N, C-alpha and C. Protein backbone atom coordinates (compact mmCIF):
# COMPACT_ATOMS: atom_id res chain seq x y z
N UNK A 1 136.97 -255.40 101.56
CA UNK A 1 136.56 -254.17 102.20
C UNK A 1 136.14 -253.19 101.10
N UNK A 2 135.06 -252.48 101.32
CA UNK A 2 134.61 -251.51 100.34
C UNK A 2 135.60 -250.34 100.28
N UNK A 3 135.54 -249.58 99.18
CA UNK A 3 136.43 -248.43 99.02
C UNK A 3 136.21 -247.42 100.15
N UNK A 4 134.96 -247.18 100.50
CA UNK A 4 134.64 -246.23 101.56
C UNK A 4 135.21 -246.70 102.90
N UNK A 5 135.04 -247.99 103.20
CA UNK A 5 135.57 -248.54 104.45
C UNK A 5 137.10 -248.49 104.47
N UNK A 6 137.73 -248.81 103.34
CA UNK A 6 139.18 -248.74 103.25
C UNK A 6 139.65 -247.30 103.44
N UNK A 7 138.98 -246.36 102.78
CA UNK A 7 139.32 -244.94 102.91
C UNK A 7 139.28 -244.52 104.38
N UNK A 8 138.23 -244.88 105.09
CA UNK A 8 138.10 -244.51 106.50
C UNK A 8 139.16 -245.19 107.35
N UNK A 9 139.44 -246.45 107.07
CA UNK A 9 140.43 -247.21 107.81
C UNK A 9 141.82 -246.60 107.66
N UNK A 10 142.18 -246.24 106.43
CA UNK A 10 143.49 -245.62 106.19
C UNK A 10 143.56 -244.22 106.80
N UNK A 11 142.47 -243.47 106.71
CA UNK A 11 142.43 -242.13 107.32
C UNK A 11 142.60 -242.25 108.83
N UNK A 12 141.93 -243.21 109.44
CA UNK A 12 142.06 -243.41 110.89
C UNK A 12 143.51 -243.71 111.27
N UNK A 13 144.20 -244.49 110.45
CA UNK A 13 145.60 -244.79 110.71
C UNK A 13 146.44 -243.51 110.69
N UNK A 14 146.23 -242.65 109.70
CA UNK A 14 146.98 -241.40 109.59
C UNK A 14 146.68 -240.49 110.78
N UNK A 15 145.41 -240.35 111.14
CA UNK A 15 145.06 -239.52 112.30
C UNK A 15 145.73 -240.06 113.57
N UNK A 16 145.71 -241.38 113.74
CA UNK A 16 146.32 -242.02 114.91
C UNK A 16 147.82 -241.76 114.94
N UNK A 17 148.48 -241.90 113.80
CA UNK A 17 149.94 -241.68 113.72
C UNK A 17 150.28 -240.26 114.13
N UNK A 18 149.51 -239.30 113.68
CA UNK A 18 149.76 -237.90 114.03
C UNK A 18 149.47 -237.63 115.51
N UNK A 19 148.43 -238.27 116.05
CA UNK A 19 148.12 -238.10 117.47
C UNK A 19 149.25 -238.64 118.34
N UNK A 20 149.84 -239.78 117.95
CA UNK A 20 150.97 -240.32 118.71
C UNK A 20 152.11 -239.31 118.78
N UNK A 21 152.39 -238.63 117.68
CA UNK A 21 153.46 -237.63 117.68
C UNK A 21 153.10 -236.44 118.56
N UNK A 22 151.87 -235.94 118.45
CA UNK A 22 151.47 -234.80 119.28
C UNK A 22 151.52 -235.14 120.76
N UNK A 23 151.23 -236.38 121.11
CA UNK A 23 151.23 -236.80 122.51
C UNK A 23 152.59 -237.31 122.96
N UNK A 24 153.60 -237.21 122.10
CA UNK A 24 154.97 -237.63 122.41
C UNK A 24 155.04 -239.11 122.78
N UNK A 25 154.23 -239.90 122.15
CA UNK A 25 154.22 -241.35 122.36
C UNK A 25 155.13 -241.97 121.29
N UNK A 26 156.41 -241.61 121.39
CA UNK A 26 157.37 -241.92 120.34
C UNK A 26 157.62 -243.42 120.17
N UNK A 27 157.59 -244.18 121.25
CA UNK A 27 157.81 -245.63 121.12
C UNK A 27 156.69 -246.28 120.32
N UNK A 28 155.46 -245.89 120.59
CA UNK A 28 154.32 -246.42 119.83
C UNK A 28 154.41 -245.99 118.37
N UNK A 29 154.82 -244.74 118.15
CA UNK A 29 154.97 -244.23 116.78
C UNK A 29 156.06 -245.01 116.05
N UNK A 30 157.17 -245.22 116.72
CA UNK A 30 158.29 -245.99 116.15
C UNK A 30 157.82 -247.38 115.72
N UNK A 31 157.00 -248.01 116.54
CA UNK A 31 156.50 -249.36 116.26
C UNK A 31 155.61 -249.42 115.02
N UNK A 32 155.11 -248.28 114.55
CA UNK A 32 154.31 -248.27 113.32
C UNK A 32 155.17 -248.49 112.08
N UNK A 33 156.48 -248.25 112.18
CA UNK A 33 157.37 -248.37 111.03
C UNK A 33 157.77 -249.81 110.77
N UNK A 34 157.79 -250.18 109.49
CA UNK A 34 158.31 -251.48 109.08
C UNK A 34 159.81 -251.50 109.35
N UNK A 35 160.39 -252.69 109.41
CA UNK A 35 161.84 -252.79 109.63
C UNK A 35 162.62 -252.04 108.55
N UNK A 36 162.08 -252.01 107.33
CA UNK A 36 162.73 -251.27 106.24
C UNK A 36 162.11 -249.88 106.07
N UNK A 37 161.41 -249.43 107.09
CA UNK A 37 160.72 -248.14 107.03
C UNK A 37 161.67 -246.96 106.94
N UNK A 38 161.17 -245.87 106.37
CA UNK A 38 161.98 -244.69 106.12
C UNK A 38 161.16 -243.43 106.39
N UNK A 39 161.76 -242.50 107.11
CA UNK A 39 161.18 -241.17 107.35
C UNK A 39 162.00 -240.21 106.49
N UNK A 40 161.32 -239.51 105.57
CA UNK A 40 162.05 -238.70 104.58
C UNK A 40 161.44 -237.32 104.46
N UNK A 41 162.32 -236.30 104.56
CA UNK A 41 161.93 -234.91 104.31
C UNK A 41 162.81 -234.41 103.17
N UNK A 42 162.28 -234.38 101.94
CA UNK A 42 163.07 -233.93 100.79
C UNK A 42 163.52 -232.47 100.94
N UNK A 43 164.61 -232.13 100.26
CA UNK A 43 165.18 -230.78 100.35
C UNK A 43 164.56 -229.80 99.36
N UNK A 44 163.83 -230.30 98.39
CA UNK A 44 163.15 -229.40 97.46
C UNK A 44 161.88 -230.07 96.94
N UNK A 45 160.93 -229.27 96.47
CA UNK A 45 159.60 -229.80 96.12
C UNK A 45 159.57 -230.90 95.06
N UNK A 46 160.48 -230.87 94.12
CA UNK A 46 160.44 -231.86 93.02
C UNK A 46 161.36 -233.05 93.26
N UNK A 47 161.95 -233.15 94.41
CA UNK A 47 162.92 -234.22 94.67
C UNK A 47 162.23 -235.59 94.63
N UNK A 48 162.76 -236.48 93.82
CA UNK A 48 162.21 -237.82 93.68
C UNK A 48 163.13 -238.90 94.22
N UNK A 49 164.38 -238.56 94.45
CA UNK A 49 165.36 -239.57 94.82
C UNK A 49 166.06 -239.17 96.12
N UNK A 50 166.00 -240.01 97.12
CA UNK A 50 166.67 -239.71 98.38
C UNK A 50 168.07 -240.31 98.44
N UNK A 51 168.42 -241.12 97.46
CA UNK A 51 169.73 -241.76 97.48
C UNK A 51 170.82 -240.93 96.81
N UNK A 52 170.47 -240.13 95.81
CA UNK A 52 171.49 -239.39 95.08
C UNK A 52 171.42 -237.88 95.32
N UNK A 53 170.42 -237.42 96.06
CA UNK A 53 170.28 -236.00 96.36
C UNK A 53 170.20 -235.81 97.87
N UNK A 54 170.74 -234.69 98.37
CA UNK A 54 170.65 -234.45 99.81
C UNK A 54 169.21 -234.19 100.23
N UNK A 55 168.91 -234.53 101.47
CA UNK A 55 167.58 -234.34 102.03
C UNK A 55 167.67 -233.56 103.33
N UNK A 56 166.58 -232.97 103.75
CA UNK A 56 166.53 -232.31 105.05
C UNK A 56 166.63 -233.37 106.15
N UNK A 57 165.91 -234.46 105.96
CA UNK A 57 165.98 -235.59 106.89
C UNK A 57 165.79 -236.87 106.10
N UNK A 58 166.55 -237.87 106.44
CA UNK A 58 166.43 -239.20 105.84
C UNK A 58 166.83 -240.18 106.92
N UNK A 59 165.83 -240.81 107.53
CA UNK A 59 166.11 -241.64 108.69
C UNK A 59 165.52 -243.03 108.53
N UNK A 60 166.38 -244.00 108.67
CA UNK A 60 165.96 -245.40 108.71
C UNK A 60 165.36 -245.66 110.09
N UNK A 61 164.86 -246.87 110.29
CA UNK A 61 164.28 -247.20 111.59
C UNK A 61 165.33 -247.09 112.70
N UNK A 62 166.56 -247.49 112.43
CA UNK A 62 167.62 -247.37 113.42
C UNK A 62 167.85 -245.90 113.80
N UNK A 63 167.92 -245.02 112.81
CA UNK A 63 168.14 -243.60 113.10
C UNK A 63 166.95 -243.00 113.83
N UNK A 64 165.74 -243.45 113.53
CA UNK A 64 164.57 -242.98 114.26
C UNK A 64 164.70 -243.32 115.75
N UNK A 65 165.15 -244.53 116.02
CA UNK A 65 165.32 -244.98 117.41
C UNK A 65 166.35 -244.11 118.13
N UNK A 66 167.46 -243.82 117.47
CA UNK A 66 168.48 -242.98 118.07
C UNK A 66 167.95 -241.57 118.35
N UNK A 67 167.18 -241.05 117.44
CA UNK A 67 166.62 -239.71 117.63
C UNK A 67 165.61 -239.70 118.78
N UNK A 68 164.82 -240.75 118.90
CA UNK A 68 163.87 -240.85 120.01
C UNK A 68 164.63 -240.90 121.33
N UNK A 69 165.71 -241.64 121.38
CA UNK A 69 166.52 -241.71 122.61
C UNK A 69 167.08 -240.33 122.95
N UNK A 70 167.50 -239.58 121.95
CA UNK A 70 168.01 -238.23 122.18
C UNK A 70 166.90 -237.33 122.74
N UNK A 71 165.68 -237.47 122.23
CA UNK A 71 164.57 -236.64 122.70
C UNK A 71 164.28 -236.87 124.18
N UNK A 72 164.64 -238.04 124.69
CA UNK A 72 164.39 -238.39 126.09
C UNK A 72 165.59 -238.10 127.00
N UNK A 73 166.73 -237.86 126.42
CA UNK A 73 167.96 -237.76 127.21
C UNK A 73 167.93 -236.52 128.11
N UNK A 74 168.32 -236.72 129.37
CA UNK A 74 168.30 -235.64 130.35
C UNK A 74 169.25 -234.50 129.99
N UNK A 75 170.30 -234.80 129.22
CA UNK A 75 171.27 -233.76 128.87
C UNK A 75 171.09 -233.21 127.45
N UNK A 76 169.92 -233.40 126.89
CA UNK A 76 169.63 -232.80 125.58
C UNK A 76 169.24 -231.35 125.81
N UNK A 77 170.26 -230.51 125.98
CA UNK A 77 170.04 -229.11 126.39
C UNK A 77 169.25 -228.31 125.36
N UNK A 78 169.32 -228.71 124.10
CA UNK A 78 168.56 -227.97 123.09
C UNK A 78 167.05 -228.18 123.25
N UNK A 79 166.66 -229.13 124.11
CA UNK A 79 165.24 -229.41 124.33
C UNK A 79 164.73 -228.78 125.63
N UNK A 80 165.49 -227.81 126.15
CA UNK A 80 165.07 -227.10 127.35
C UNK A 80 165.00 -225.62 127.02
N UNK A 81 163.87 -224.99 127.20
CA UNK A 81 162.61 -225.52 127.72
C UNK A 81 162.02 -226.59 126.79
N UNK A 82 161.06 -227.35 127.31
CA UNK A 82 160.49 -228.46 126.53
C UNK A 82 159.90 -228.00 125.19
N UNK A 83 160.00 -228.89 124.21
CA UNK A 83 159.46 -228.64 122.87
C UNK A 83 158.12 -229.37 122.77
N UNK A 84 157.11 -228.67 122.27
CA UNK A 84 155.80 -229.29 122.07
C UNK A 84 155.39 -229.08 120.62
N UNK A 85 154.51 -229.96 120.16
CA UNK A 85 154.06 -229.85 118.77
C UNK A 85 152.57 -230.10 118.67
N UNK A 86 152.02 -229.64 117.56
CA UNK A 86 150.61 -229.83 117.25
C UNK A 86 150.48 -229.92 115.74
N UNK A 87 149.71 -230.87 115.28
CA UNK A 87 149.46 -231.05 113.85
C UNK A 87 147.98 -230.89 113.57
N UNK A 88 147.67 -230.11 112.57
CA UNK A 88 146.30 -230.01 112.07
C UNK A 88 146.30 -230.76 110.74
N UNK A 89 145.54 -231.85 110.67
CA UNK A 89 145.60 -232.77 109.54
C UNK A 89 144.33 -232.67 108.70
N UNK A 90 144.50 -232.39 107.40
CA UNK A 90 143.36 -232.46 106.48
C UNK A 90 143.00 -233.92 106.25
N UNK A 91 141.79 -234.15 105.79
CA UNK A 91 141.34 -235.51 105.56
C UNK A 91 142.28 -236.24 104.60
N UNK A 92 142.86 -237.36 105.03
CA UNK A 92 143.72 -238.15 104.16
C UNK A 92 142.93 -238.78 103.01
N UNK A 93 143.59 -238.94 101.88
CA UNK A 93 142.94 -239.57 100.73
C UNK A 93 143.87 -240.63 100.14
N UNK A 94 143.26 -241.61 99.51
CA UNK A 94 144.00 -242.70 98.89
C UNK A 94 144.55 -242.24 97.54
N UNK A 95 145.84 -242.35 97.36
CA UNK A 95 146.49 -242.06 96.09
C UNK A 95 146.51 -243.32 95.23
N UNK A 96 146.83 -244.45 95.89
CA UNK A 96 146.93 -245.72 95.19
C UNK A 96 146.73 -246.83 96.23
N UNK A 97 146.10 -247.92 95.80
CA UNK A 97 145.89 -249.01 96.73
C UNK A 97 145.81 -250.33 95.98
N UNK A 98 146.51 -251.32 96.49
CA UNK A 98 146.42 -252.69 96.00
C UNK A 98 146.12 -253.56 97.22
N UNK A 99 144.82 -253.75 97.47
CA UNK A 99 144.41 -254.49 98.66
C UNK A 99 144.96 -255.91 98.66
N UNK A 100 145.02 -256.55 97.49
CA UNK A 100 145.50 -257.93 97.43
C UNK A 100 146.96 -258.02 97.85
N UNK A 101 147.77 -257.03 97.48
CA UNK A 101 149.18 -257.01 97.89
C UNK A 101 149.36 -256.36 99.26
N UNK A 102 148.30 -255.71 99.75
CA UNK A 102 148.38 -255.05 101.05
C UNK A 102 149.23 -253.80 101.04
N UNK A 103 149.25 -253.09 99.89
CA UNK A 103 150.06 -251.88 99.75
C UNK A 103 149.15 -250.68 99.46
N UNK A 104 149.40 -249.60 100.16
CA UNK A 104 148.57 -248.40 100.01
C UNK A 104 149.46 -247.16 100.02
N UNK A 105 149.09 -246.17 99.24
CA UNK A 105 149.70 -244.86 99.32
C UNK A 105 148.60 -243.88 99.68
N UNK A 106 148.82 -243.15 100.76
CA UNK A 106 147.83 -242.22 101.30
C UNK A 106 148.51 -240.87 101.45
N UNK A 107 147.78 -239.80 101.18
CA UNK A 107 148.35 -238.47 101.28
C UNK A 107 147.42 -237.55 102.06
N UNK A 108 148.02 -236.55 102.70
CA UNK A 108 147.24 -235.52 103.38
C UNK A 108 148.10 -234.27 103.52
N UNK A 109 147.44 -233.17 103.72
CA UNK A 109 148.14 -231.92 104.01
C UNK A 109 148.06 -231.68 105.51
N UNK A 110 149.13 -231.09 106.06
CA UNK A 110 149.11 -230.76 107.48
C UNK A 110 149.66 -229.36 107.70
N UNK A 111 149.26 -228.80 108.82
CA UNK A 111 149.87 -227.60 109.35
C UNK A 111 150.56 -228.04 110.63
N UNK A 112 151.87 -227.88 110.68
CA UNK A 112 152.68 -228.34 111.81
C UNK A 112 153.12 -227.13 112.63
N UNK A 113 152.86 -227.19 113.92
CA UNK A 113 153.28 -226.14 114.84
C UNK A 113 154.21 -226.76 115.87
N UNK A 114 155.33 -226.08 116.11
CA UNK A 114 156.28 -226.53 117.12
C UNK A 114 156.62 -225.32 117.97
N UNK A 115 156.55 -225.49 119.28
CA UNK A 115 156.81 -224.38 120.18
C UNK A 115 157.85 -224.78 121.22
N UNK A 116 158.69 -223.82 121.55
CA UNK A 116 159.70 -224.01 122.59
C UNK A 116 159.88 -222.66 123.26
N UNK A 117 159.44 -222.57 124.51
CA UNK A 117 159.47 -221.27 125.18
C UNK A 117 158.65 -220.28 124.38
N UNK A 118 159.21 -219.08 124.13
CA UNK A 118 158.45 -218.07 123.38
C UNK A 118 158.50 -218.26 121.86
N UNK A 119 159.31 -219.20 121.40
CA UNK A 119 159.49 -219.39 119.96
C UNK A 119 158.49 -220.38 119.39
N UNK A 120 157.99 -220.06 118.22
CA UNK A 120 157.06 -220.97 117.55
C UNK A 120 157.42 -221.08 116.07
N UNK A 121 157.39 -222.30 115.56
CA UNK A 121 157.62 -222.58 114.14
C UNK A 121 156.30 -223.10 113.58
N UNK A 122 155.93 -222.60 112.41
CA UNK A 122 154.73 -223.09 111.73
C UNK A 122 155.13 -223.48 110.30
N UNK A 123 154.83 -224.72 109.94
CA UNK A 123 155.19 -225.24 108.63
C UNK A 123 153.99 -225.94 108.00
N UNK A 124 153.83 -225.74 106.72
CA UNK A 124 152.83 -226.49 105.97
C UNK A 124 153.52 -227.61 105.21
N UNK A 125 152.84 -228.74 105.07
CA UNK A 125 153.46 -229.87 104.38
C UNK A 125 152.40 -230.78 103.78
N UNK A 126 152.80 -231.46 102.72
CA UNK A 126 152.02 -232.58 102.20
C UNK A 126 152.76 -233.83 102.64
N UNK A 127 152.04 -234.75 103.24
CA UNK A 127 152.65 -235.98 103.71
C UNK A 127 152.10 -237.14 102.89
N UNK A 128 153.02 -237.93 102.36
CA UNK A 128 152.64 -239.14 101.61
C UNK A 128 153.14 -240.34 102.40
N UNK A 129 152.23 -241.24 102.67
CA UNK A 129 152.55 -242.47 103.39
C UNK A 129 152.51 -243.64 102.42
N UNK A 130 153.54 -244.47 102.44
CA UNK A 130 153.47 -245.78 101.81
C UNK A 130 153.26 -246.77 102.94
N UNK A 131 152.16 -247.50 102.87
CA UNK A 131 151.78 -248.40 103.95
C UNK A 131 151.72 -249.83 103.45
N UNK A 132 152.07 -250.75 104.35
CA UNK A 132 152.04 -252.17 104.01
C UNK A 132 151.23 -252.88 105.09
N UNK A 133 150.25 -253.67 104.66
CA UNK A 133 149.49 -254.50 105.59
C UNK A 133 150.19 -255.84 105.74
N UNK A 134 150.39 -256.24 106.99
CA UNK A 134 150.90 -257.58 107.27
C UNK A 134 149.77 -258.35 107.94
N UNK A 135 150.04 -259.58 108.32
CA UNK A 135 149.00 -260.39 108.95
C UNK A 135 148.46 -259.76 110.22
N UNK A 136 149.31 -259.06 110.96
CA UNK A 136 148.88 -258.57 112.26
C UNK A 136 148.84 -257.05 112.41
N UNK A 137 149.35 -256.30 111.42
CA UNK A 137 149.33 -254.85 111.57
C UNK A 137 149.58 -254.13 110.25
N UNK A 138 149.33 -252.84 110.28
CA UNK A 138 149.66 -251.97 109.16
C UNK A 138 150.96 -251.27 109.53
N UNK A 139 151.89 -251.18 108.56
CA UNK A 139 153.20 -250.60 108.82
C UNK A 139 153.50 -249.47 107.85
N UNK A 140 154.28 -248.51 108.33
CA UNK A 140 154.75 -247.42 107.48
C UNK A 140 156.03 -247.89 106.80
N UNK A 141 156.00 -247.94 105.48
CA UNK A 141 157.19 -248.28 104.70
C UNK A 141 157.96 -246.98 104.41
N UNK A 142 157.22 -245.91 104.15
CA UNK A 142 157.86 -244.61 103.96
C UNK A 142 156.88 -243.51 104.35
N UNK A 143 157.40 -242.55 105.10
CA UNK A 143 156.66 -241.33 105.39
C UNK A 143 157.47 -240.21 104.76
N UNK A 144 156.89 -239.62 103.71
CA UNK A 144 157.55 -238.52 103.00
C UNK A 144 156.87 -237.22 103.39
N UNK A 145 157.64 -236.32 104.00
CA UNK A 145 157.12 -235.03 104.44
C UNK A 145 157.63 -233.98 103.47
N UNK A 146 156.76 -233.54 102.57
CA UNK A 146 157.14 -232.54 101.59
C UNK A 146 156.76 -231.16 102.12
N UNK A 147 157.75 -230.47 102.70
CA UNK A 147 157.49 -229.14 103.25
C UNK A 147 157.15 -228.16 102.13
N UNK A 148 156.19 -227.32 102.39
CA UNK A 148 155.76 -226.33 101.40
C UNK A 148 156.92 -225.41 101.01
N UNK A 149 157.77 -225.08 101.97
CA UNK A 149 158.89 -224.17 101.71
C UNK A 149 160.24 -224.85 101.96
N UNK A 150 160.36 -226.08 101.52
CA UNK A 150 161.58 -226.86 101.76
C UNK A 150 162.81 -226.24 101.09
N UNK A 151 162.61 -225.44 100.08
CA UNK A 151 163.73 -224.91 99.31
C UNK A 151 164.24 -223.56 99.81
N UNK A 152 163.86 -223.18 101.04
CA UNK A 152 164.40 -221.96 101.64
C UNK A 152 165.10 -222.33 102.96
N UNK A 153 165.79 -221.39 103.54
CA UNK A 153 166.41 -221.64 104.85
C UNK A 153 165.31 -221.85 105.87
N UNK A 154 165.40 -222.95 106.61
CA UNK A 154 164.37 -223.29 107.58
C UNK A 154 164.90 -223.16 108.99
N UNK A 155 164.02 -222.91 109.95
CA UNK A 155 164.47 -222.91 111.34
C UNK A 155 164.75 -224.33 111.80
N UNK A 156 165.39 -224.46 112.94
CA UNK A 156 165.63 -225.79 113.52
C UNK A 156 164.28 -226.44 113.83
N UNK A 157 164.14 -227.69 113.43
CA UNK A 157 162.94 -228.46 113.72
C UNK A 157 163.37 -229.57 114.67
N UNK A 158 162.88 -229.53 115.89
CA UNK A 158 163.36 -230.44 116.93
C UNK A 158 162.67 -231.81 116.90
N UNK A 159 161.39 -231.84 116.54
CA UNK A 159 160.61 -233.07 116.63
C UNK A 159 160.33 -233.62 115.24
N UNK A 160 159.64 -234.74 115.18
CA UNK A 160 159.23 -235.33 113.91
C UNK A 160 157.99 -234.62 113.40
N UNK A 161 157.93 -234.38 112.11
CA UNK A 161 156.75 -233.74 111.52
C UNK A 161 155.75 -234.81 111.16
């Protein structure tokens, strides 16, 4: 695949992943993650290690599933009134790619909006995806959400960024 075609293919994947979240298609979004996949929101801008430093969020595929179940639960009172989100995604770009190994790192900036009743949260973030191509699909190995202001007190974030 040419570099331009690969760039467009990876960008389409990122746009699709974000659209699934905006449309609350959490099961389809969950299926994008590899079995060893990780959703990570570091606690400060320079954080490189999620194992020895605390994070805002660090969720394995199992924890993602539990959180999705909570988002659907009829007694999740913190989700009433309903929570909605919208992401504005800048064009994703390839940071690193090894087509032969099927490994790619893609990054983009987003503006994340979350609303619940009269309250609205707006956050800027750089998102880095580590992606793995398998025979039948592309999988998220890690989604790192680096919040622009991760090192200050943040409001409650109900959904996935």
